[in-house]
Amino acid sequence: MSSVSNDRGVSQLAAVNSTFFHFIFVQVLALIWAFLFSGTAVKDLFEQLPKSWIGAHNLYNALYLAGSAIGYLLLVYSVLLVLAAAMAIYRLAMIKDPADTSSS
């Protein structure tokens, strides 16, 4: 398997390994983001600020929206990576051994 390479000279086994590593890395990053974003320490801090500090509250709202967007982006990207990993396995399953001379 490691001797069969694609158009760019990368072995198919290395391509599947890198696809799975990337998938796992993004999944872990999405989980860490979800755990950190679900905490309420920053929200509680901003709620303790005086209501006259409207700029701080606007900043918190903007950061909250940006954090939500990043979390959603990580979710969608990780679902797409599941499809990419499945396609990589499918490509790997279609490979024939170059040393195999039988036609079946």
Protein backbone atom coordinates (compact mmCIF):
# COMPACT_ATOMS: atom_id res chain seq x y z
CA MET A 1 0.00 0.00 0.00
CA SER A 2 2.74 2.44 0.81
CA SER A 3 4.37 1.89 -2.59
CA VAL A 4 1.28 3.07 -4.50
CA SER A 5 1.37 6.84 -4.94
CA ASN A 6 -0.99 9.43 -6.39
CA ASP A 7 -0.40 12.14 -9.02
CA ARG A 8 1.66 14.27 -6.64
CA GLY A 9 3.97 11.44 -5.61
CA VAL A 10 2.40 10.98 -2.16
CA SER A 11 1.64 7.40 -1.17
CA GLN A 12 -2.03 6.57 -0.82
CA LEU A 13 -1.46 5.30 2.71
CA ALA A 14 0.18 8.58 3.72
CA ALA A 15 -2.72 10.51 2.17
CA VAL A 16 -5.27 8.54 4.20
CA ASN A 17 -3.19 8.96 7.37
CA SER A 18 -2.93 12.71 6.89
CA THR A 19 -6.66 12.94 6.14
CA PHE A 20 -7.52 11.17 9.39
CA PHE A 21 -5.01 13.21 11.38
CA HIS A 22 -6.51 16.42 10.02
CA PHE A 23 -10.03 15.16 10.80
CA ILE A 24 -9.10 14.24 14.39
CA PHE A 25 -7.24 17.53 14.90
CA VAL A 26 -10.24 19.60 13.77
CA GLN A 27 -12.62 17.51 15.88
CA VAL A 28 -10.49 18.08 18.99
CA LEU A 29 -10.25 21.79 18.19
CA ALA A 30 -14.05 21.98 17.79
CA LEU A 31 -14.59 20.19 21.11
CA ILE A 32 -12.13 22.46 22.93
CA TRP A 33 -13.83 25.50 21.37
CA ALA A 34 -17.25 24.24 22.46
CA PHE A 35 -16.09 23.61 26.03
CA LEU A 36 -14.40 27.00 26.33
CA PHE A 37 -17.26 28.85 24.67
CA SER A 38 -19.90 27.24 26.87
CA GLY A 39 -18.31 28.58 30.04
CA THR A 40 -19.97 31.55 31.70
CA ALA A 41 -17.01 33.22 33.42
CA VAL A 42 -16.60 35.92 30.77
CA LYS A 43 -20.36 36.47 30.55
CA ASP A 44 -20.59 36.85 34.31
CA LEU A 45 -17.69 39.32 34.27
CA PHE A 46 -19.37 41.49 31.63
CA GLU A 47 -22.68 41.38 33.51
CA GLN A 48 -20.96 42.83 36.59
CA LEU A 49 -19.80 45.89 34.65
CA PRO A 50 -21.86 49.05 35.08
CA LYS A 51 -24.63 49.54 32.52
CA SER A 52 -23.07 52.87 31.60
CA TRP A 53 -20.16 51.03 29.95
CA ILE A 54 -22.12 50.45 26.79
CA GLY A 55 -18.94 49.97 24.76
CA ALA A 56 -17.92 46.97 26.84
CA HIS A 57 -21.33 45.38 26.40
CA ASN A 58 -21.22 46.01 22.66
CA LEU A 59 -17.75 44.45 22.55
CA TYR A 60 -19.02 41.39 24.41
CA ASN A 61 -21.94 41.02 21.98
CA ALA A 62 -19.62 41.30 18.99
CA LEU A 63 -17.19 38.77 20.45
CA TYR A 64 -20.06 36.43 21.28
CA LEU A 65 -21.33 36.57 17.71
CA ALA A 66 -17.83 36.02 16.32
CA GLY A 67 -17.30 33.06 18.66
CA SER A 68 -20.60 31.55 17.62
CA ALA A 69 -19.69 31.94 13.96
CA ILE A 70 -16.30 30.30 14.51
CA GLY A 71 -17.96 27.41 16.34
CA TYR A 72 -20.45 26.92 13.53
CA LEU A 73 -17.64 27.05 10.97
CA LEU A 74 -15.74 24.36 12.88
CA LEU A 75 -18.88 22.20 12.99
CA VAL A 76 -19.54 22.45 9.25
CA TYR A 77 -15.85 21.92 8.43
CA SER A 78 -15.65 18.83 10.62
CA VAL A 79 -18.71 17.33 8.88
CA LEU A 80 -17.04 17.95 5.53
CA LEU A 81 -13.89 16.29 6.84
CA VAL A 82 -15.92 13.18 7.68
CA LEU A 83 -16.89 13.01 4.01
CA ALA A 84 -13.27 13.55 2.93
CA ALA A 85 -12.06 10.76 5.22
CA ALA A 86 -14.74 8.41 3.88
CA MET A 87 -13.72 9.19 0.30
CA ALA A 88 -10.06 8.61 1.16
CA ILE A 89 -10.91 5.17 2.53
CA TYR A 90 -12.93 4.44 -0.60
CA ARG A 91 -9.98 5.43 -2.81
CA LEU A 92 -7.71 3.23 -0.70
CA ALA A 93 -10.07 0.28 -1.10
CA MET A 94 -9.99 0.63 -4.90
CA ILE A 95 -6.20 0.27 -5.11
CA LYS A 96 -4.83 -2.92 -6.55
CA ASP A 97 -1.48 -4.31 -5.58
CA PRO A 98 1.06 -3.45 -8.31
CA ALA A 99 2.81 -6.77 -7.74
CA ASP A 100 -0.43 -8.68 -8.32
CA THR A 101 -0.44 -9.92 -11.92
CA SER A 102 -3.81 -11.66 -11.82
CA SER A 103 -6.63 -9.90 -13.67
CA SER A 104 -9.37 -10.57 -11.12
